[in-house]
Amino acid sequence: MPALTNPMIVQSDRTVLLEVQNPLYEAARDTLAVFAELEKSPEYMHTYRISPLSLWNAASAGLSAPDVLAGLTRYSKFPLPEAIQTEIRQLMSRYGLVKLEQQDGHLFLTSSDRTILLEITHHKDVIPLLGTLKGPDRSEILAEARGHLKEVLMKLGYPVEDLAGYNEGTPLPFSWRSMTLGGEPFALRDYQVDAVESFHLHGSLQGGSGVLVLPCGSGKTLIGIGVMEKLQVETLILTTNVTSARQWLRELEDRTDLTSEQLSEYSGERKGIAPVTVATYQILTYRDSSTNTYPHFELFNQKNWGLIIYDEVHLLPAPVFRATAELQAKRRLGLTATLVREDGKEDEVFTLIGPKKKDIPWKVLEAQGWIASAQCTEWRIPMSKSRRIDYALAEEREKFRLAAENPRKTNKVAALLDRHPTDHILIIGQYVQQLEFLAKELRAPLITGKTPQKERERLYQKFREGEIHVLIVSKVGNFAVDLPDANVAIQVSGSFGSRQEEAQRLGRILRPKKGDPRAYFYSLVSGDTKEQEFGMKRQLFLTEQGYSYQIAIEEDPDD
């Protein structure tokens, strides 16, 4: 029964207002996070939106419309509007209303609702994808059109449940090691085993494609290897950069009995192909200007892959999306800490990689001790009077950069280093010129996109071994850098309002450490500027996960 003491107001436009200063806030937030998206997070009232995609992801994970409505009713101050109840039921009923199935060697679009099937198959964008076989409740689809059909129907509001199965791929028997090469005992954690099974689903047609969403530092690489071990097939792994590719290869050698001859890197530096090949997005999206083609796309056909793993799937480049549309007969696993895409293409991830199969909240693993607890602080730094004048006269885009590169941030970085004299500190930023200045002032090493791979690995290793305690990195440090001892991050600038970047940067310091279990994340923004506004947007995903930012204001020496 709704009660005025509840924290939630559900509105008929599918927005939900959530009162932060309420004893039931955390429980209501965790309920909403399963089927709604956080849009705004000011101090006292957060705004969520229930979207078709968020409901379809919930439906694919086994949630029903009654489950969603029960969650809303449990925490709502007022009775749910009839309109929202009707819309949630209708939207969630659409998932699985149309299916792709294999019958007698042919691919069919099927539906229990013949009227809807008739409407779909007479749509101008669907007609070119049809085969010749028809029936009252099925219509043949060209095998090569499997991905494109799913894209079209997603746009029409009919998410397809793909039950057409997969090519098995070439077998690749291998096993886990019970002890790593370093002599440490090893076994997957319970939540990692659960994530593997959520994707595999006992080998059923409902399994085999989808996305697993887990916090940074939770072992997504090991979960990916767990899926490989479950399937025992040759695998192509796509990841963000060479550093990440080599981390995958190290983990595979360390944790499994796969030999070095069975593992290979395919990148700008090396072009090996083996039963397990780890490639970078950069090499795949290299375009030959003379032919306007992507010559390395041939990698998808070089072997009979039984599984393709998309690491950091929220960063999947558009050309790889297009290639993936042709790969629907292969099992596809996406791994990410956040499905947020700043280009709004979450629906393409859902369609071409698969629906969200598992989403483990960050705070759940923090409570279990698998990731570190984090204290997040936003420091608002004043600009000098002369820079204020430059800021006032600048164009809109230049305003952000002027604020981001505020020279007064340097003093605050130095003060934070003094506060953490024995910690392992990452200083992360967007603008190379700003980072070069900091590196000179602080006498700290710097890694940017121009740093040779060997030098990057040397500096990362010295940081891991404790030879250096402060490392400055550009956006190349946002993803897939294994620095387990890092426990302090200082963000001096970022990519406008990028929510996924904020999450990934916090994730660099979430590996649990011996001694002090806490991690410290500092975000430096120029006060009363565009950067401060973008900072609020950047924090949305982490706020949704239960993190709160302390706001600290640096005194202005000009006052």
Protein backbone atom coordinates (compact mmCIF):
# COMPACT_ATOMS: atom_id res chain seq x y z
CA MET A 1 0.00 0.00 0.00
CA PRO A 2 1.50 3.39 -0.98
CA ALA A 3 2.43 5.60 1.96
CA LEU A 4 3.43 9.26 2.15
CA THR A 5 6.52 8.22 4.10
CA ASN A 6 7.83 6.31 1.06
CA PRO A 7 10.68 7.89 -0.97
CA MET A 8 9.38 7.58 -4.54
CA ILE A 9 6.99 9.50 -6.81
CA VAL A 10 6.13 7.65 -10.04
CA GLN A 11 4.90 9.89 -12.86
CA SER A 12 2.93 9.02 -15.97
CA ASP A 13 5.75 10.18 -18.31
CA ARG A 14 7.86 7.24 -17.01
CA THR A 15 9.99 9.44 -14.79
CA VAL A 16 10.48 8.54 -11.13
CA LEU A 17 11.48 11.04 -8.45
CA LEU A 18 13.46 9.53 -5.57
CA GLU A 19 13.86 11.36 -2.27
CA VAL A 20 17.46 11.01 -1.07
CA GLN A 21 16.91 12.00 2.58
CA ASN A 22 14.64 9.06 3.28
CA PRO A 23 15.34 5.91 5.33
CA LEU A 24 14.17 3.75 2.41
CA TYR A 25 16.30 5.57 -0.19
CA GLU A 26 18.96 2.86 -0.62
CA ALA A 27 16.46 0.01 -0.93
CA ALA A 28 14.38 1.98 -3.43
CA ARG A 29 17.50 2.97 -5.39
CA ASP A 30 18.61 -0.64 -5.69
CA THR A 31 15.12 -1.65 -6.87
CA LEU A 32 15.02 1.10 -9.50
CA ALA A 33 18.51 0.37 -10.82
CA VAL A 34 17.29 -2.95 -12.26
CA PHE A 35 14.77 -1.42 -14.67
CA ALA A 36 15.34 2.37 -14.79
CA GLU A 37 18.15 4.83 -15.59
CA LEU A 38 19.32 7.72 -13.44
CA GLU A 39 19.06 11.06 -15.29
CA LYS A 40 19.70 13.70 -12.62
CA SER A 41 21.20 13.52 -9.13
CA PRO A 42 21.02 16.84 -7.28
CA GLU A 43 21.32 16.78 -3.50
CA TYR A 44 17.79 15.96 -2.38
CA MET A 45 15.75 14.50 -5.26
CA HIS A 46 17.06 12.14 -7.95
CA THR A 47 15.28 11.64 -11.27
CA TYR A 48 15.10 8.22 -12.95
CA ARG A 49 13.56 7.34 -16.30
CA ILE A 50 11.96 4.02 -17.18
CA SER A 51 12.82 3.45 -20.85
CA PRO A 52 11.81 0.70 -23.27
CA LEU A 53 15.42 -0.54 -23.36
CA SER A 54 15.75 -0.61 -19.57
CA LEU A 55 12.52 -2.64 -19.34
CA TRP A 56 13.60 -5.04 -22.10
CA ASN A 57 16.94 -5.63 -20.40
CA ALA A 58 15.04 -6.39 -17.19
CA ALA A 59 12.72 -8.74 -19.07
CA SER A 60 15.65 -10.58 -20.67
CA ALA A 61 17.09 -11.12 -17.17
CA GLY A 62 13.84 -12.79 -16.06
CA LEU A 63 11.99 -9.86 -14.49
CA SER A 64 8.26 -9.63 -15.25
CA ALA A 65 5.92 -6.63 -15.45
CA PRO A 66 4.30 -7.63 -12.11
CA ASP A 67 7.81 -7.65 -10.56
CA VAL A 68 8.48 -4.10 -11.80
CA LEU A 69 5.07 -2.82 -10.73
CA ALA A 70 5.44 -4.45 -7.30
CA GLY A 71 8.80 -2.72 -6.82
CA LEU A 72 7.36 0.65 -7.77
CA THR A 73 4.31 0.17 -5.56
CA ARG A 74 6.42 -0.87 -2.58
CA TYR A 75 8.27 2.47 -2.45
CA SER A 76 5.80 4.92 -4.04
CA LYS A 77 4.18 7.72 -1.99
CA PHE A 78 1.09 7.67 -4.20
CA PRO A 79 -0.86 5.08 -6.23
CA LEU A 80 0.81 4.30 -9.56
CA PRO A 81 -0.78 6.16 -12.50
CA GLU A 82 -2.87 3.83 -14.64
CA ALA A 83 -1.02 5.02 -17.73
CA ILE A 84 2.37 3.92 -16.39
CA GLN A 85 1.03 0.52 -15.33
CA THR A 86 -0.42 -0.08 -18.79
CA GLU A 87 2.74 1.09 -20.56
CA ILE A 88 5.07 -1.07 -18.46
CA ARG A 89 2.89 -4.14 -19.14
CA GLN A 90 2.76 -3.42 -22.86
CA LEU A 91 6.46 -2.68 -23.26
CA MET A 92 7.62 -5.71 -21.30
CA SER A 93 5.22 -7.99 -23.16
CA ARG A 94 6.99 -7.04 -26.39
CA TYR A 95 10.21 -8.78 -25.38
CA GLY A 96 9.97 -12.28 -26.82
CA LEU A 97 6.76 -11.53 -28.70
CA VAL A 98 8.76 -12.11 -31.87
CA LYS A 99 11.46 -14.76 -32.01
CA LEU A 100 14.12 -15.98 -34.39
CA GLU A 101 14.22 -19.77 -34.63
CA GLN A 102 15.85 -22.48 -36.76
CA GLN A 103 13.52 -24.97 -38.40
CA ASP A 104 14.66 -27.62 -40.91
CA GLY A 105 17.84 -25.67 -41.69
CA HIS A 106 15.98 -22.42 -42.33
CA LEU A 107 15.86 -19.24 -40.25
CA PHE A 108 12.36 -18.07 -39.34
CA LEU A 109 10.86 -15.06 -37.64
CA THR A 110 7.98 -16.39 -35.54
CA SER A 111 5.27 -14.90 -33.35
CA SER A 112 2.22 -16.12 -31.49
CA ASP A 113 0.51 -12.90 -32.59
CA ARG A 114 -0.19 -13.34 -36.30
CA THR A 115 -1.33 -9.74 -36.75
CA ILE A 116 1.98 -8.39 -35.49
CA LEU A 117 3.91 -10.82 -37.70
CA LEU A 118 1.87 -9.67 -40.68
CA GLU A 119 2.58 -6.02 -39.84
CA ILE A 120 6.31 -6.64 -39.45
CA THR A 121 6.75 -8.65 -42.64
CA HIS A 122 5.03 -5.94 -44.68
CA HIS A 123 7.30 -3.19 -43.40
CA LYS A 124 9.45 -1.68 -46.18
CA ASP A 125 12.71 -2.21 -44.23
CA VAL A 126 11.91 -5.86 -43.49
CA ILE A 127 10.74 -7.00 -46.95
CA PRO A 128 14.32 -7.11 -48.44
CA LEU A 129 15.41 -9.42 -45.59
CA LEU A 130 12.72 -12.07 -46.18
CA GLY A 131 13.11 -15.51 -47.74
CA THR A 132 10.43 -17.38 -49.65
CA LEU A 133 8.94 -19.74 -47.04
CA LYS A 134 5.92 -18.45 -45.13
CA GLY A 135 3.19 -19.57 -42.79
CA PRO A 136 0.54 -17.92 -40.63
CA ASP A 137 2.89 -17.73 -37.64
CA ARG A 138 6.32 -17.72 -39.28
CA SER A 139 8.23 -16.07 -42.09
CA GLU A 140 11.63 -17.10 -43.47
CA ILE A 141 14.53 -14.69 -42.97
CA LEU A 142 17.68 -14.73 -45.08
CA ALA A 143 20.43 -16.26 -42.93
CA GLU A 144 22.82 -13.39 -43.63
CA ALA A 145 20.14 -10.86 -42.52
CA ARG A 146 19.87 -12.14 -38.94
CA GLY A 147 21.63 -9.15 -37.34
CA HIS A 148 20.16 -6.53 -39.64
CA LEU A 149 16.63 -7.78 -38.98
CA LYS A 150 17.18 -7.48 -35.23
CA GLU A 151 18.39 -3.89 -35.71
CA VAL A 152 15.32 -2.99 -37.77
CA LEU A 153 12.86 -4.58 -35.36
CA MET A 154 14.51 -2.92 -32.36
CA LYS A 155 13.84 0.45 -33.98
CA LEU A 156 10.23 -0.60 -34.60
CA GLY A 157 9.83 -1.41 -30.91
CA TYR A 158 9.90 -5.21 -31.20
CA PRO A 159 13.06 -6.58 -29.53
CA VAL A 160 13.71 -10.03 -30.93
CA GLU A 161 14.41 -13.02 -28.74
CA ASP A 162 17.04 -14.87 -30.76
CA LEU A 163 16.66 -18.64 -30.30
CA ALA A 164 18.23 -19.62 -33.62
CA GLY A 165 21.31 -21.15 -32.00
CA TYR A 166 24.98 -20.90 -32.89
CA ASN A 167 27.70 -22.55 -34.93
CA GLU A 168 29.67 -24.70 -32.51
CA GLY A 169 33.11 -23.58 -33.68
CA THR A 170 36.35 -25.56 -33.57
CA PRO A 171 36.79 -27.47 -30.27
CA LEU A 172 39.57 -26.31 -27.93
CA PRO A 173 39.90 -28.53 -24.83
CA PHE A 174 41.61 -26.89 -21.85
CA SER A 175 41.34 -26.71 -18.07
CA TRP A 176 41.83 -24.29 -15.21
CA ARG A 177 44.98 -24.57 -13.13
CA SER A 178 44.36 -25.17 -9.44
CA MET A 179 47.56 -23.22 -8.74
CA THR A 180 48.78 -20.20 -10.72
CA LEU A 181 52.27 -20.19 -12.20
CA GLY A 182 53.27 -18.09 -9.21
CA GLY A 183 52.18 -20.84 -6.82
CA GLU A 184 48.98 -19.19 -5.60
CA PRO A 185 45.84 -21.35 -5.15
CA PHE A 186 43.13 -20.38 -7.62
CA ALA A 187 39.40 -20.88 -8.11
CA LEU A 188 36.62 -18.65 -9.41
CA ARG A 189 34.64 -16.77 -6.77
CA ASP A 190 30.96 -17.62 -6.31
CA TYR A 191 29.70 -14.49 -8.09
CA GLN A 192 32.08 -15.17 -11.00
CA VAL A 193 30.74 -18.72 -11.35
CA ASP A 194 27.21 -17.32 -11.22
CA ALA A 195 28.02 -14.79 -13.95
CA VAL A 196 29.44 -17.52 -16.20
CA GLU A 197 26.30 -19.61 -15.74
CA SER A 198 24.04 -16.58 -16.37
CA PHE A 199 25.61 -16.33 -19.82
CA HIS A 200 25.83 -20.05 -20.56
CA LEU A 201 22.42 -21.09 -19.17
CA HIS A 202 23.35 -24.80 -19.33
CA GLY A 203 23.97 -24.49 -23.06
CA SER A 204 20.33 -23.69 -23.82
CA LEU A 205 19.21 -21.53 -26.75
CA GLN A 206 18.53 -18.68 -24.30
CA GLY A 207 22.26 -18.66 -23.48
CA GLY A 208 25.22 -17.90 -25.70
CA SER A 209 24.87 -14.16 -26.35
CA GLY A 210 24.65 -11.24 -23.98
CA VAL A 211 26.44 -8.80 -21.71
CA LEU A 212 27.78 -9.24 -18.19
CA VAL A 213 28.02 -6.02 -16.18
CA LEU A 214 30.34 -6.13 -13.16
CA PRO A 215 32.37 -3.50 -11.28
CA CYS A 216 35.95 -2.65 -12.17
CA GLY A 217 38.31 -4.85 -10.18
CA SER A 218 35.82 -7.73 -9.91
CA GLY A 219 37.67 -10.01 -12.34
CA LYS A 220 35.78 -9.64 -15.62
CA THR A 221 38.75 -11.17 -17.47
CA LEU A 222 38.49 -14.32 -15.34
CA ILE A 223 34.74 -14.46 -16.01
CA GLY A 224 35.45 -14.27 -19.74
CA ILE A 225 37.95 -17.12 -19.41
CA GLY A 226 35.32 -18.98 -17.37
CA VAL A 227 32.91 -18.78 -20.31
CA MET A 228 35.68 -20.02 -22.61
CA GLU A 229 36.36 -22.96 -20.27
CA LYS A 230 32.65 -23.78 -20.20
CA LEU A 231 32.36 -23.81 -24.02
CA GLN A 232 35.78 -25.34 -24.90
CA VAL A 233 35.98 -23.70 -28.33
CA GLU A 234 38.42 -21.51 -30.24
CA THR A 235 37.88 -17.90 -29.20
CA LEU A 236 38.50 -14.41 -30.56
CA ILE A 237 38.88 -11.75 -27.85
CA LEU A 238 38.55 -8.06 -28.78
CA THR A 239 39.84 -5.44 -26.39
CA THR A 240 40.71 -1.77 -26.11
CA ASN A 241 44.49 -1.63 -26.46
CA VAL A 242 47.74 -3.58 -26.49
CA THR A 243 48.18 -3.30 -22.72
CA SER A 244 44.80 -4.93 -22.19
CA ALA A 245 45.47 -7.59 -24.84
CA ARG A 246 48.67 -8.64 -23.08
CA GLN A 247 46.92 -8.73 -19.72
CA TRP A 248 44.41 -11.21 -21.18
CA LEU A 249 47.26 -13.33 -22.51
CA ARG A 250 49.08 -13.26 -19.16
CA GLU A 251 45.93 -14.33 -17.32
CA LEU A 252 45.28 -17.14 -19.79
CA GLU A 253 48.81 -18.51 -19.35
CA ASP A 254 48.74 -18.04 -15.58
CA ARG A 255 45.30 -19.57 -14.88
CA THR A 256 44.81 -22.24 -17.57
CA ASP A 257 46.82 -25.03 -19.16
CA LEU A 258 46.66 -23.40 -22.61
CA THR A 259 50.15 -23.29 -24.12
CA SER A 260 51.87 -20.24 -25.58
CA GLU A 261 51.44 -21.81 -29.05
CA GLN A 262 47.66 -21.75 -28.53
CA LEU A 263 47.62 -18.04 -27.64
CA SER A 264 48.35 -15.08 -29.88
CA GLU A 265 48.18 -11.29 -30.06
CA TYR A 266 46.80 -9.52 -33.13
CA SER A 267 47.63 -5.83 -32.93
CA GLY A 268 49.56 -3.06 -34.62
CA GLU A 269 52.76 -4.64 -33.29
CA ARG A 270 52.06 -8.35 -33.83
CA LYS A 271 49.80 -10.21 -36.27
CA GLY A 272 49.59 -13.73 -34.88
CA ILE A 273 46.54 -16.00 -35.20
CA ALA A 274 46.05 -18.96 -32.87
CA PRO A 275 43.16 -20.94 -31.34
CA VAL A 276 42.81 -18.08 -28.82
CA THR A 277 43.56 -14.73 -30.46
CA VAL A 278 43.40 -11.41 -28.65
CA ALA A 279 42.97 -8.42 -30.98
CA THR A 280 42.61 -4.70 -30.39
CA TYR A 281 39.74 -2.54 -31.60
CA GLN A 282 42.33 -0.18 -33.09
CA ILE A 283 43.72 -2.74 -35.52
CA LEU A 284 40.25 -3.94 -36.53
CA THR A 285 39.08 -0.41 -37.29
CA TYR A 286 42.15 0.49 -39.35
CA ARG A 287 40.82 1.65 -42.72
CA ASP A 288 42.83 1.40 -45.95
CA SER A 289 42.41 4.86 -47.49
CA SER A 290 43.12 3.60 -51.02
CA THR A 291 40.30 1.03 -50.95
CA ASN A 292 38.13 2.47 -48.17
CA THR A 293 37.99 -0.98 -46.60
CA TYR A 294 38.86 -2.54 -43.25
CA PRO A 295 41.47 -5.15 -44.22
CA HIS A 296 41.77 -6.65 -40.73
CA PHE A 297 38.08 -7.60 -40.62
CA GLU A 298 39.27 -10.80 -42.29
CA LEU A 299 40.29 -11.87 -38.78
CA PHE A 300 36.65 -12.69 -38.08
CA ASN A 301 36.83 -15.39 -40.77
CA GLN A 302 40.41 -16.61 -40.28
CA LYS A 303 39.28 -19.42 -37.98
CA ASN A 304 36.03 -21.13 -37.07
CA TRP A 305 35.57 -19.16 -33.85
CA GLY A 306 33.07 -20.63 -31.43
CA LEU A 307 33.03 -17.52 -29.22
CA ILE A 308 33.79 -13.83 -29.63
CA ILE A 309 34.43 -11.80 -26.47
CA TYR A 310 33.99 -8.03 -26.59
CA ASP A 311 35.92 -6.54 -23.67
CA GLU A 312 34.80 -3.07 -22.54
CA VAL A 313 31.77 -3.51 -24.80
CA HIS A 314 30.53 0.00 -23.97
CA LEU A 315 33.45 1.28 -26.11
CA LEU A 316 32.67 -0.89 -29.14
CA PRO A 317 33.49 1.20 -32.26
CA ALA A 318 30.83 1.67 -34.93
CA PRO A 319 32.68 -0.37 -37.61
CA VAL A 320 32.87 -3.36 -35.23
CA PHE A 321 29.12 -3.02 -34.63
CA ARG A 322 28.64 -3.32 -38.38
CA ALA A 323 30.87 -6.38 -38.58
CA THR A 324 29.07 -7.95 -35.61
CA ALA A 325 25.77 -7.70 -37.46
CA GLU A 326 27.19 -10.38 -39.80
CA LEU A 327 28.33 -12.63 -36.91
CA GLN A 328 25.03 -13.56 -35.31
CA ALA A 329 25.64 -17.29 -35.72
CA LYS A 330 28.62 -17.05 -33.35
CA ARG A 331 28.34 -16.89 -29.57
CA ARG A 332 29.00 -13.33 -28.37
CA LEU A 333 29.95 -12.19 -24.88
CA GLY A 334 30.17 -8.53 -23.87
CA LEU A 335 32.02 -7.53 -20.70
CA THR A 336 31.79 -4.09 -19.10
CA ALA A 337 31.59 -2.19 -15.83
CA THR A 338 28.89 0.07 -17.22
CA LEU A 339 26.55 -0.24 -20.20
CA VAL A 340 26.40 3.56 -20.44
CA ARG A 341 27.44 4.71 -23.92
CA GLU A 342 27.86 8.42 -24.49
CA ASP A 343 26.77 7.92 -28.13
CA GLY A 344 23.43 6.45 -27.02
CA LYS A 345 23.99 3.12 -28.79
CA GLU A 346 23.04 0.90 -25.87
CA ASP A 347 20.25 -0.47 -28.07
CA GLU A 348 22.83 -1.72 -30.60
CA VAL A 349 24.70 -3.53 -27.83
CA PHE A 350 21.40 -5.17 -26.82
CA THR A 351 20.58 -6.11 -30.41
CA LEU A 352 23.94 -7.23 -31.82
CA ILE A 353 25.85 -8.53 -28.79
CA GLY A 354 22.84 -9.56 -26.70
CA PRO A 355 20.77 -8.47 -23.72
CA LYS A 356 22.15 -7.84 -20.26
CA LYS A 357 22.50 -11.25 -18.57
CA LYS A 358 23.93 -10.16 -15.24
CA ASP A 359 24.38 -6.82 -13.52
CA ILE A 360 26.06 -6.94 -10.11
CA PRO A 361 25.87 -3.63 -8.19
CA TRP A 362 29.23 -2.21 -7.13
CA LYS A 363 28.16 -1.82 -3.51
CA VAL A 364 27.21 -5.50 -3.28
CA LEU A 365 30.78 -6.59 -4.03
CA GLU A 366 32.13 -3.84 -1.78
CA ALA A 367 30.03 -5.18 1.12
CA GLN A 368 31.43 -8.67 0.45
CA GLY A 369 35.00 -7.34 0.48
CA TRP A 370 35.76 -8.14 -3.18
CA ILE A 371 36.32 -4.49 -4.12
CA ALA A 372 37.58 -1.62 -1.98
CA SER A 373 35.30 0.94 -0.38
CA ALA A 374 35.80 4.34 -1.96
CA GLN A 375 35.61 7.86 -0.62
CA CYS A 376 34.77 10.29 -3.44
CA THR A 377 35.47 14.02 -3.11
CA GLU A 378 34.87 16.79 -5.61
CA TRP A 379 37.21 19.73 -5.00
CA ARG A 380 36.00 22.98 -6.53
CA ILE A 381 39.00 25.14 -7.36
CA PRO A 382 38.65 28.89 -8.05
CA MET A 383 40.18 30.47 -11.15
CA SER A 384 42.32 33.60 -11.03
CA LYS A 385 40.70 36.90 -11.95
CA SER A 386 42.56 37.12 -15.26
CA ARG A 387 41.52 33.59 -16.22
CA ARG A 388 37.96 34.43 -15.20
CA ILE A 389 37.98 37.25 -17.74
CA ASP A 390 39.33 34.92 -20.45
CA TYR A 391 36.63 32.40 -19.51
CA ALA A 392 33.85 35.01 -19.72
CA LEU A 393 34.91 36.03 -23.23
CA ALA A 394 35.56 32.52 -24.61
CA GLU A 395 33.40 30.43 -26.95
CA GLU A 396 31.34 27.70 -25.27
CA ARG A 397 33.66 24.79 -26.07
CA GLU A 398 36.75 26.76 -25.13
CA LYS A 399 35.18 27.64 -21.77
CA PHE A 400 35.34 23.97 -20.77
CA ARG A 401 39.02 23.63 -21.64
CA LEU A 402 39.94 26.87 -19.86
CA ALA A 403 38.21 25.58 -16.74
CA ALA A 404 39.69 22.07 -17.06
CA GLU A 405 43.27 23.36 -17.40
CA ASN A 406 42.97 25.80 -14.49
CA PRO A 407 46.64 26.21 -13.31
CA ARG A 408 45.51 26.45 -9.69
CA LYS A 409 44.70 22.76 -9.78
CA THR A 410 48.45 22.08 -9.57
CA ASN A 411 48.66 23.36 -5.99
CA LYS A 412 45.72 21.18 -4.96
CA VAL A 413 47.33 18.11 -6.56
CA ALA A 414 50.53 18.82 -4.60
CA ALA A 415 48.54 19.19 -1.37
CA LEU A 416 46.76 15.86 -1.99
CA LEU A 417 50.09 14.15 -2.60
CA ASP A 418 51.27 15.46 0.77
CA ARG A 419 48.09 14.05 2.34
CA HIS A 420 48.89 10.57 0.94
CA PRO A 421 52.68 10.27 1.30
CA THR A 422 52.84 6.45 1.28
CA ASP A 423 49.95 5.65 -1.07
CA HIS A 424 50.01 4.57 -4.72
CA ILE A 425 48.57 7.52 -6.63
CA LEU A 426 47.27 7.86 -10.18
CA ILE A 427 46.84 11.37 -11.59
CA ILE A 428 44.48 11.16 -14.57
CA GLY A 429 43.56 13.84 -17.09
CA GLN A 430 42.27 14.62 -20.54
CA TYR A 431 44.65 17.30 -21.83
CA VAL A 432 48.25 16.30 -22.54
CA GLN A 433 49.64 19.82 -22.17
CA GLN A 434 48.16 20.04 -18.67
CA LEU A 435 49.61 16.62 -17.77
CA GLU A 436 53.04 17.51 -19.13
CA PHE A 437 53.06 20.61 -16.93
CA LEU A 438 52.05 18.54 -13.90
CA ALA A 439 54.72 15.92 -14.65
CA LYS A 440 57.37 18.63 -14.74
CA GLU A 441 56.15 20.38 -11.58
CA LEU A 442 55.72 17.16 -9.58
CA ARG A 443 58.71 15.32 -11.12
CA ALA A 444 56.48 12.35 -11.82
CA PRO A 445 56.48 9.99 -14.85
CA LEU A 446 53.83 10.49 -17.52
CA ILE A 447 52.10 8.04 -19.88
CA THR A 448 50.15 9.37 -22.89
CA GLY A 449 49.04 7.95 -26.21
CA LYS A 450 52.48 8.83 -27.64
CA THR A 451 54.37 6.79 -25.04
CA PRO A 452 55.84 3.66 -26.69
CA GLN A 453 54.28 0.41 -25.52
CA LYS A 454 57.55 -0.87 -24.00
CA GLU A 455 57.92 2.32 -21.97
CA ARG A 456 54.30 2.09 -20.79
CA GLU A 457 54.80 -1.45 -19.59
CA ARG A 458 58.08 -0.53 -17.88
CA LEU A 459 56.41 2.32 -15.95
CA TYR A 460 53.36 0.23 -15.07
CA GLN A 461 55.67 -2.50 -13.74
CA LYS A 462 57.71 -0.02 -11.65
CA PHE A 463 54.43 1.29 -10.21
CA ARG A 464 53.28 -2.26 -9.37
CA GLU A 465 56.60 -3.02 -7.69
CA GLY A 466 56.53 0.18 -5.63
CA GLU A 467 59.55 1.82 -7.24
CA ILE A 468 57.35 4.77 -8.11
CA HIS A 469 54.35 5.86 -6.07
CA VAL A 470 52.93 8.55 -8.36
CA LEU A 471 52.05 7.97 -12.01
CA ILE A 472 50.42 10.49 -14.34
CA VAL A 473 48.29 9.04 -17.16
CA SER A 474 46.17 10.48 -19.94
CA LYS A 475 42.93 8.84 -21.06
CA VAL A 476 44.97 5.76 -22.08
CA GLY A 477 44.78 4.88 -18.38
CA ASN A 478 40.98 4.85 -18.32
CA PHE A 479 40.63 1.20 -19.26
CA ALA A 480 42.05 -2.22 -18.59
CA VAL A 481 45.22 -1.19 -16.77
CA ASP A 482 46.02 -3.70 -14.05
CA LEU A 483 47.54 -1.67 -11.20
CA PRO A 484 46.31 -3.55 -8.14
CA ASP A 485 48.13 -1.39 -5.56
CA ALA A 486 46.72 1.95 -6.75
CA ASN A 487 44.48 3.32 -4.02
CA VAL A 488 44.30 7.05 -4.76
CA ALA A 489 43.13 8.67 -8.01
CA ILE A 490 43.25 12.40 -8.68
CA GLN A 491 41.23 13.42 -11.73
CA VAL A 492 42.38 16.80 -13.03
CA SER A 493 40.26 16.86 -16.20
CA GLY A 494 37.90 14.64 -18.16
CA SER A 495 35.86 14.16 -21.32
CA PHE A 496 33.02 16.62 -20.76
CA GLY A 497 30.14 14.77 -19.04
CA SER A 498 31.29 11.19 -19.62
CA ARG A 499 29.65 8.93 -17.03
CA GLN A 500 31.47 5.80 -18.17
CA GLU A 501 34.85 7.54 -17.96
CA GLU A 502 34.16 8.58 -14.36
CA ALA A 503 33.25 4.99 -13.48
CA GLN A 504 36.31 3.55 -15.20
CA ARG A 505 38.65 6.01 -13.47
CA LEU A 506 37.26 5.15 -10.06
CA GLY A 507 37.62 1.53 -11.05
CA ARG A 508 41.41 1.90 -11.39
CA ILE A 509 41.68 2.01 -7.57
CA LEU A 510 39.06 -0.52 -6.44
CA ARG A 511 41.23 -3.62 -6.06
CA PRO A 512 41.17 -4.44 -2.31
CA LYS A 513 44.50 -3.89 -0.54
CA LYS A 514 46.05 -5.16 2.65
CA GLY A 515 45.90 -2.75 5.55
CA ASP A 516 43.69 0.28 4.79
CA PRO A 517 40.79 -1.12 2.71
CA ARG A 518 39.68 2.31 1.52
CA ALA A 519 40.31 3.99 -1.83
CA TYR A 520 40.26 7.73 -2.38
CA PHE A 521 38.94 9.38 -5.54
CA TYR A 522 39.42 13.13 -5.96
CA SER A 523 37.89 15.04 -8.84
CA LEU A 524 39.20 18.58 -9.32
CA VAL A 525 36.85 21.00 -11.10
CA SER A 526 36.91 24.75 -11.52
CA GLY A 527 34.11 26.22 -9.42
CA ASP A 528 31.10 27.94 -11.01
CA THR A 529 32.05 26.86 -14.53
CA LYS A 530 30.93 24.53 -17.30
CA GLU A 531 33.32 21.96 -15.87
CA GLN A 532 31.39 21.93 -12.61
CA GLU A 533 28.14 21.40 -14.54
CA PHE A 534 29.64 18.52 -16.53
CA GLY A 535 31.02 17.09 -13.28
CA MET A 536 27.49 16.56 -12.00
CA LYS A 537 26.62 14.59 -15.13
CA ARG A 538 29.84 12.55 -14.91
CA GLN A 539 28.88 11.41 -11.43
CA LEU A 540 25.47 10.01 -12.42
CA PHE A 541 26.43 6.37 -12.91
CA LEU A 542 28.42 6.18 -9.70
CA THR A 543 25.59 7.90 -7.81
CA GLU A 544 23.25 5.24 -9.16
CA GLN A 545 25.64 2.60 -7.80
CA GLY A 546 25.43 4.11 -4.32
CA TYR A 547 28.52 6.34 -4.24
CA SER A 548 28.20 9.87 -2.88
CA TYR A 549 30.55 12.78 -3.47
CA GLN A 550 31.68 15.07 -0.71
CA ILE A 551 31.90 18.63 -2.01
CA ALA A 552 34.92 20.64 -0.85
CA ILE A 553 35.56 24.24 -1.88
CA GLU A 554 39.10 25.59 -2.07
CA GLU A 555 39.55 29.10 -0.74
CA ASP A 556 40.19 31.79 -3.33
CA PRO A 557 43.52 33.52 -2.55
CA ASP A 558 42.29 36.61 -4.44
CA ASP A 559 39.53 37.16 -1.85
